[in-house]
């Protein structure tokens, strides 16, 4: 899952790209549709402060966990 499929074009080696944003929970249900497993390597942007980065990472991970829970 990428925010922009143009930015994720280098990941296409055998991967299916879906558009989604971990900070936009509404985008996750569609992005996860049809998938049984999720692996994440997502992290906040380096230009965020440490506190903002931690909050952003935590919110993103919770959004993903909740979206996965809705898929069960």
PDB file of N, CA and C in Angstrom:
ATOM      1  N   UNK A   1       0.846  -1.159   0.000  1.00  0.00           N
ATOM      2  CA  UNK A   1       0.000   0.000   0.000  1.00  0.00           C
ATOM      3  C   UNK A   1       0.896   1.228   0.000  1.00  0.00           C
ATOM      4  N   UNK A   2       0.582   2.150  -0.863  1.00  0.00           N
ATOM      5  CA  UNK A   2       1.342   3.393  -0.970  1.00  0.00           C
ATOM      6  C   UNK A   2       0.370   4.559  -1.029  1.00  0.00           C
ATOM      7  N   UNK A   3       0.828   5.721  -0.578  1.00  0.00           N
ATOM      8  CA  UNK A   3      -0.024   6.916  -0.673  1.00  0.00           C
ATOM      9  C   UNK A   3      -0.174   7.339  -2.118  1.00  0.00           C
ATOM     10  N   UNK A   4       0.860   7.119  -2.907  1.00  0.00           N
ATOM     11  CA  UNK A   4       0.845   7.492  -4.324  1.00  0.00           C
ATOM     12  C   UNK A   4       1.421   6.328  -5.117  1.00  0.00           C
ATOM     13  N   UNK A   5       0.658   5.771  -6.053  1.00  0.00           N
ATOM     14  CA  UNK A   5       1.173   4.651  -6.838  1.00  0.00           C
ATOM     15  C   UNK A   5       2.353   5.075  -7.703  1.00  0.00           C
ATOM     16  N   UNK A   6       2.442   6.351  -8.048  1.00  0.00           N
ATOM     17  CA  UNK A   6       3.598   6.837  -8.812  1.00  0.00           C
ATOM     18  C   UNK A   6       4.862   6.740  -7.971  1.00  0.00           C
ATOM     19  N   UNK A   7       4.773   7.070  -6.686  1.00  0.00           N
ATOM     20  CA  UNK A   7       5.928   6.999  -5.804  1.00  0.00           C
ATOM     21  C   UNK A   7       6.328   5.558  -5.529  1.00  0.00           C
ATOM     22  N   UNK A   8       5.392   4.645  -5.588  1.00  0.00           N
ATOM     23  CA  UNK A   8       5.680   3.250  -5.297  1.00  0.00           C
ATOM     24  C   UNK A   8       6.048   2.445  -6.516  1.00  0.00           C
ATOM     25  N   UNK A   9       6.274   3.096  -7.641  1.00  0.00           N
ATOM     26  CA  UNK A   9       6.529   2.368  -8.877  1.00  0.00           C
ATOM     27  C   UNK A   9       7.761   1.479  -8.798  1.00  0.00           C
ATOM     28  N   UNK A  10       8.719   1.802  -7.957  1.00  0.00           N
ATOM     29  CA  UNK A  10       9.923   0.982  -7.842  1.00  0.00           C
ATOM     30  C   UNK A  10       9.664  -0.313  -7.079  1.00  0.00           C
ATOM     31  N   UNK A  11       8.486  -0.460  -6.476  1.00  0.00           N
ATOM     32  CA  UNK A  11       8.161  -1.657  -5.688  1.00  0.00           C
ATOM     33  C   UNK A  11       7.389  -2.691  -6.494  1.00  0.00           C
ATOM     34  N   UNK A  12       7.273  -2.534  -7.759  1.00  0.00           N
ATOM     35  CA  UNK A  12       6.375  -3.384  -8.543  1.00  0.00           C
ATOM     36  C   UNK A  12       6.909  -4.774  -8.857  1.00  0.00           C
ATOM     37  N   UNK A  13       8.053  -5.127  -8.395  1.00  0.00           N
ATOM     38  CA  UNK A  13       8.605  -6.460  -8.668  1.00  0.00           C
ATOM     39  C   UNK A  13       7.778  -7.530  -7.968  1.00  0.00           C
ATOM     40  N   UNK A  14       6.730  -7.981  -8.624  1.00  0.00           N
ATOM     41  CA  UNK A  14       5.886  -9.021  -8.062  1.00  0.00           C
ATOM     42  C   UNK A  14       4.904  -8.540  -7.017  1.00  0.00           C
ATOM     43  N   UNK A  15       4.794  -7.249  -6.833  1.00  0.00           N
ATOM     44  CA  UNK A  15       3.890  -6.694  -5.822  1.00  0.00           C
ATOM     45  C   UNK A  15       2.660  -6.080  -6.487  1.00  0.00           C
ATOM     46  N   UNK A  16       1.574  -6.148  -5.788  1.00  0.00           N
ATOM     47  CA  UNK A  16       0.361  -5.451  -6.208  1.00  0.00           C
ATOM     48  C   UNK A  16       0.256  -4.192  -5.363  1.00  0.00           C
ATOM     49  N   UNK A  17       0.241  -3.045  -6.009  1.00  0.00           N
ATOM     50  CA  UNK A  17       0.159  -1.781  -5.274  1.00  0.00           C
ATOM     51  C   UNK A  17      -1.287  -1.344  -5.134  1.00  0.00           C
ATOM     52  N   UNK A  18      -1.646  -0.944  -3.930  1.00  0.00           N
ATOM     53  CA  UNK A  18      -2.944  -0.352  -3.641  1.00  0.00           C
ATOM     54  C   UNK A  18      -2.704   1.007  -3.026  1.00  0.00           C
ATOM     55  N   UNK A  19      -3.590   1.936  -3.345  1.00  0.00           N
ATOM     56  CA  UNK A  19      -3.478   3.270  -2.783  1.00  0.00           C
ATOM     57  C   UNK A  19      -4.152   3.289  -1.424  1.00  0.00           C
ATOM     58  N   UNK A  20      -3.466   3.837  -0.444  1.00  0.00           N
ATOM     59  CA  UNK A  20      -4.016   3.974   0.891  1.00  0.00           C
ATOM     60  C   UNK A  20      -3.094   4.837   1.726  1.00  0.00           C
ATOM     61  N   UNK A  21      -3.589   5.255   2.851  1.00  0.00           N
ATOM     62  CA  UNK A  21      -2.798   6.094   3.747  1.00  0.00           C
ATOM     63  C   UNK A  21      -3.119   5.654   5.173  1.00  0.00           C
ATOM     64  N   UNK A  22      -2.112   5.243   5.907  1.00  0.00           N
ATOM     65  CA  UNK A  22      -2.331   4.759   7.272  1.00  0.00           C
ATOM     66  C   UNK A  22      -2.928   5.817   8.191  1.00  0.00           C
ATOM     67  N   UNK A  23      -2.780   7.074   7.824  1.00  0.00           N
ATOM     68  CA  UNK A  23      -3.368   8.142   8.638  1.00  0.00           C
ATOM     69  C   UNK A  23      -4.766   8.521   8.165  1.00  0.00           C
ATOM     70  N   UNK A  24      -5.277   7.824   7.131  1.00  0.00           N
ATOM     71  CA  UNK A  24      -6.643   8.008   6.638  1.00  0.00           C
ATOM     72  C   UNK A  24      -7.365   6.665   6.757  1.00  0.00           C
ATOM     73  N   UNK A  25      -7.965   6.395   7.917  1.00  0.00           N
ATOM     74  CA  UNK A  25      -8.570   5.084   8.152  1.00  0.00           C
ATOM     75  C   UNK A  25      -9.562   4.647   7.078  1.00  0.00           C
ATOM     76  N   UNK A  26     -10.289   5.566   6.489  1.00  0.00           N
ATOM     77  CA  UNK A  26     -11.274   5.204   5.469  1.00  0.00           C
ATOM     78  C   UNK A  26     -10.626   4.578   4.242  1.00  0.00           C
ATOM     79  N   UNK A  27      -9.364   4.879   3.995  1.00  0.00           N
ATOM     80  CA  UNK A  27      -8.692   4.326   2.809  1.00  0.00           C
ATOM     81  C   UNK A  27      -8.211   2.902   3.031  1.00  0.00           C
ATOM     82  N   UNK A  28      -8.173   2.447   4.258  1.00  0.00           N
ATOM     83  CA  UNK A  28      -7.571   1.152   4.561  1.00  0.00           C
ATOM     84  C   UNK A  28      -8.459  -0.034   4.214  1.00  0.00           C
ATOM     85  N   UNK A  29      -9.760   0.081   4.392  1.00  0.00           N
ATOM     86  CA  UNK A  29     -10.653  -1.039   4.099  1.00  0.00           C
ATOM     87  C   UNK A  29     -10.524  -1.462   2.643  1.00  0.00           C
ATOM     88  N   UNK A  30     -10.511  -0.505   1.741  1.00  0.00           N
ATOM     89  CA  UNK A  30     -10.373  -0.813   0.315  1.00  0.00           C
ATOM     90  C   UNK A  30      -8.991  -1.405   0.030  1.00  0.00           C
ATOM     91  N   UNK A  31      -7.962  -0.813   0.584  1.00  0.00           N
ATOM     92  CA  UNK A  31      -6.594  -1.263   0.312  1.00  0.00           C
ATOM     93  C   UNK A  31      -6.362  -2.691   0.808  1.00  0.00           C
ATOM     94  N   UNK A  32      -7.038  -3.089   1.878  1.00  0.00           N
ATOM     95  CA  UNK A  32      -6.846  -4.417   2.450  1.00  0.00           C
ATOM     96  C   UNK A  32      -7.769  -5.473   1.851  1.00  0.00           C
ATOM     97  N   UNK A  33      -8.733  -5.059   1.068  1.00  0.00           N
ATOM     98  CA  UNK A  33      -9.714  -5.984   0.515  1.00  0.00           C
ATOM     99  C   UNK A  33      -9.038  -7.099  -0.282  1.00  0.00           C
ATOM    100  N   UNK A  34      -9.406  -8.319   0.042  1.00  0.00           N
ATOM    101  CA  UNK A  34      -8.875  -9.472  -0.671  1.00  0.00           C
ATOM    102  C   UNK A  34      -7.532  -9.968  -0.176  1.00  0.00           C
ATOM    103  N   UNK A  35      -6.977  -9.339   0.840  1.00  0.00           N
ATOM    104  CA  UNK A  35      -5.682  -9.751   1.369  1.00  0.00           C
ATOM    105  C   UNK A  35      -5.863 -10.436   2.718  1.00  0.00           C
ATOM    106  N   UNK A  36      -5.103 -11.508   2.938  1.00  0.00           N
ATOM    107  CA  UNK A  36      -5.213 -12.254   4.193  1.00  0.00           C
ATOM    108  C   UNK A  36      -4.100 -11.918   5.172  1.00  0.00           C
ATOM    109  N   UNK A  37      -3.017 -11.358   4.691  1.00  0.00           N
ATOM    110  CA  UNK A  37      -1.883 -11.047   5.565  1.00  0.00           C
ATOM    111  C   UNK A  37      -1.409  -9.626   5.298  1.00  0.00           C
ATOM    112  N   UNK A  38      -0.872  -9.033   6.340  1.00  0.00           N
ATOM    113  CA  UNK A  38      -0.352  -7.672   6.228  1.00  0.00           C
ATOM    114  C   UNK A  38       1.027  -7.637   6.879  1.00  0.00           C
ATOM    115  N   UNK A  39       1.960  -7.038   6.182  1.00  0.00           N
ATOM    116  CA  UNK A  39       3.280  -6.759   6.724  1.00  0.00           C
ATOM    117  C   UNK A  39       3.501  -5.273   6.570  1.00  0.00           C
ATOM    118  N   UNK A  40       4.002  -4.623   7.589  1.00  0.00           N
ATOM    119  CA  UNK A  40       4.223  -3.183   7.484  1.00  0.00           C
ATOM    120  C   UNK A  40       5.670  -2.821   7.791  1.00  0.00           C
ATOM    121  N   UNK A  41       6.157  -1.893   7.021  1.00  0.00           N
ATOM    122  CA  UNK A  41       7.473  -1.305   7.262  1.00  0.00           C
ATOM    123  C   UNK A  41       7.306   0.209   7.319  1.00  0.00           C
ATOM    124  N   UNK A  42       6.079   0.636   7.560  1.00  0.00           N
ATOM    125  CA  UNK A  42       5.756   2.060   7.555  1.00  0.00           C
ATOM    126  C   UNK A  42       6.374   2.768   8.749  1.00  0.00           C
ATOM    127  N   UNK A  43       6.800   3.974   8.510  1.00  0.00           N
ATOM    128  CA  UNK A  43       7.329   4.820   9.578  1.00  0.00           C
ATOM    129  C   UNK A  43       7.063   6.271   9.216  1.00  0.00           C
ATOM    130  N   UNK A  44       7.093   7.129  10.195  1.00  0.00           N
ATOM    131  CA  UNK A  44       6.808   8.546   9.979  1.00  0.00           C
ATOM    132  C   UNK A  44       7.940   9.207   9.202  1.00  0.00           C
ATOM    133  N   UNK A  45       7.622  10.316   8.610  1.00  0.00           N
ATOM    134  CA  UNK A  45       8.619  11.090   7.855  1.00  0.00           C
ATOM    135  C   UNK A  45       9.692  11.628   8.790  1.00  0.00           C
ATOM    136  N   UNK A  46      10.895  11.645   8.316  1.00  0.00           N
ATOM    137  CA  UNK A  46      12.035  12.087   9.129  1.00  0.00           C
ATOM    138  C   UNK A  46      11.941  13.550   9.533  1.00  0.00           C
ATOM    139  N   UNK A  47      11.230  14.375   8.757  1.00  0.00           N
ATOM    140  CA  UNK A  47      11.191  15.802   9.072  1.00  0.00           C
ATOM    141  C   UNK A  47      10.264  16.134  10.244  1.00  0.00           C
ATOM    142  N   UNK A  48       9.511  15.150  10.737  1.00  0.00           N
ATOM    143  CA  UNK A  48       8.667  15.396  11.899  1.00  0.00           C
ATOM    144  C   UNK A  48       9.512  15.381  13.160  1.00  0.00           C
ATOM    145  N   UNK A  49       9.084  16.126  14.160  1.00  0.00           N
ATOM    146  CA  UNK A  49       9.790  16.098  15.441  1.00  0.00           C
ATOM    147  C   UNK A  49       9.605  14.731  16.083  1.00  0.00           C
ATOM    148  N   UNK A  50      10.397  14.432  17.068  1.00  0.00           N
ATOM    149  CA  UNK A  50      10.328  13.129  17.721  1.00  0.00           C
ATOM    150  C   UNK A  50       8.940  12.873  18.294  1.00  0.00           C
ATOM    151  N   UNK A  51       8.366  13.835  18.982  1.00  0.00           N
ATOM    152  CA  UNK A  51       7.029  13.662  19.562  1.00  0.00           C
ATOM    153  C   UNK A  51       5.988  13.498  18.465  1.00  0.00           C
ATOM    154  N   UNK A  52       6.049  14.339  17.452  1.00  0.00           N
ATOM    155  CA  UNK A  52       5.092  14.244  16.342  1.00  0.00           C
ATOM    156  C   UNK A  52       5.269  12.921  15.602  1.00  0.00           C
ATOM    157  N   UNK A  53       6.498  12.487  15.435  1.00  0.00           N
ATOM    158  CA  UNK A  53       6.782  11.232  14.756  1.00  0.00           C
ATOM    159  C   UNK A  53       6.208  10.050  15.531  1.00  0.00           C
ATOM    160  N   UNK A  54       6.392  10.065  16.838  1.00  0.00           N
ATOM    161  CA  UNK A  54       5.869   8.992  17.683  1.00  0.00           C
ATOM    162  C   UNK A  54       4.356   8.945  17.617  1.00  0.00           C
ATOM    163  N   UNK A  55       3.711  10.099  17.709  1.00  0.00           N
ATOM    164  CA  UNK A  55       2.238  10.155  17.622  1.00  0.00           C
ATOM    165  C   UNK A  55       1.757   9.670  16.267  1.00  0.00           C
ATOM    166  N   UNK A  56       2.425  10.111  15.211  1.00  0.00           N
ATOM    167  CA  UNK A  56       2.053   9.722  13.862  1.00  0.00           C
ATOM    168  C   UNK A  56       2.200   8.219  13.679  1.00  0.00           C
ATOM    169  N   UNK A  57       3.324   7.664  14.101  1.00  0.00           N
ATOM    170  CA  UNK A  57       3.549   6.217  14.000  1.00  0.00           C
ATOM    171  C   UNK A  57       2.505   5.436  14.778  1.00  0.00           C
ATOM    172  N   UNK A  58       2.227   5.873  15.988  1.00  0.00           N
ATOM    173  CA  UNK A  58       1.253   5.181  16.837  1.00  0.00           C
ATOM    174  C   UNK A  58      -0.134   5.225  16.208  1.00  0.00           C
ATOM    175  N   UNK A  59      -0.551   6.386  15.745  1.00  0.00           N
ATOM    176  CA  UNK A  59      -1.866   6.510  15.099  1.00  0.00           C
ATOM    177  C   UNK A  59      -1.960   5.632  13.858  1.00  0.00           C
ATOM    178  N   UNK A  60      -0.903   5.637  13.059  1.00  0.00           N
ATOM    179  CA  UNK A  60      -0.895   4.841  11.833  1.00  0.00           C
ATOM    180  C   UNK A  60      -1.009   3.355  12.149  1.00  0.00           C
ATOM    181  N   UNK A  61      -0.236   2.891  13.119  1.00  0.00           N
ATOM    182  CA  UNK A  61      -0.272   1.470  13.482  1.00  0.00           C
ATOM    183  C   UNK A  61      -1.641   1.076  14.043  1.00  0.00           C
ATOM    184  N   UNK A  62      -2.219   1.932  14.884  1.00  0.00           N
ATOM    185  CA  UNK A  62      -3.559   1.638  15.410  1.00  0.00           C
ATOM    186  C   UNK A  62      -4.598   1.596  14.300  1.00  0.00           C
ATOM    187  N   UNK A  63      -4.509   2.511  13.358  1.00  0.00           N
ATOM    188  CA  UNK A  63      -5.441   2.504  12.230  1.00  0.00           C
ATOM    189  C   UNK A  63      -5.335   1.200  11.449  1.00  0.00           C
ATOM    190  N   UNK A  64      -4.112   0.738  11.208  1.00  0.00           N
ATOM    191  CA  UNK A  64      -3.914  -0.506  10.468  1.00  0.00           C
ATOM    192  C   UNK A  64      -4.430  -1.709  11.262  1.00  0.00           C
ATOM    193  N   UNK A  65      -4.122  -1.762  12.539  1.00  0.00           N
ATOM    194  CA  UNK A  65      -4.600  -2.863  13.380  1.00  0.00           C
ATOM    195  C   UNK A  65      -6.121  -2.889  13.401  1.00  0.00           C
ATOM    196  N   UNK A  66      -6.753  -1.740  13.571  1.00  0.00           N
ATOM    197  CA  UNK A  66      -8.220  -1.684  13.582  1.00  0.00           C
ATOM    198  C   UNK A  66      -8.810  -2.100  12.248  1.00  0.00           C
ATOM    199  N   UNK A  67      -8.198  -1.680  11.145  1.00  0.00           N
ATOM    200  CA  UNK A  67      -8.685  -2.058   9.823  1.00  0.00           C
ATOM    201  C   UNK A  67      -8.558  -3.565   9.622  1.00  0.00           C
ATOM    202  N   UNK A  68      -7.464  -4.149  10.077  1.00  0.00           N
ATOM    203  CA  UNK A  68      -7.288  -5.602   9.975  1.00  0.00           C
ATOM    204  C   UNK A  68      -8.351  -6.315  10.815  1.00  0.00           C
ATOM    205  N   UNK A  69      -8.657  -5.781  11.967  1.00  0.00           N
ATOM    206  CA  UNK A  69      -9.690  -6.363  12.820  1.00  0.00           C
ATOM    207  C   UNK A  69     -11.061  -6.344  12.166  1.00  0.00           C
ATOM    208  N   UNK A  70     -11.336  -5.324  11.402  1.00  0.00           N
ATOM    209  CA  UNK A  70     -12.627  -5.241  10.699  1.00  0.00           C
ATOM    210  C   UNK A  70     -12.722  -6.275   9.567  1.00  0.00           C
ATOM    211  N   UNK A  71     -11.585  -6.750   9.075  1.00  0.00           N
ATOM    212  CA  UNK A  71     -11.542  -7.704   7.965  1.00  0.00           C
ATOM    213  C   UNK A  71     -11.807  -9.128   8.419  1.00  0.00           C
ATOM    214  N   UNK A  72     -11.806  -9.399   9.701  1.00  0.00           N
ATOM    215  CA  UNK A  72     -11.943 -10.776  10.212  1.00  0.00           C
ATOM    216  C   UNK A  72     -13.317 -11.304  10.025  1.00  0.00           C
TER     217      UNK A  72
END
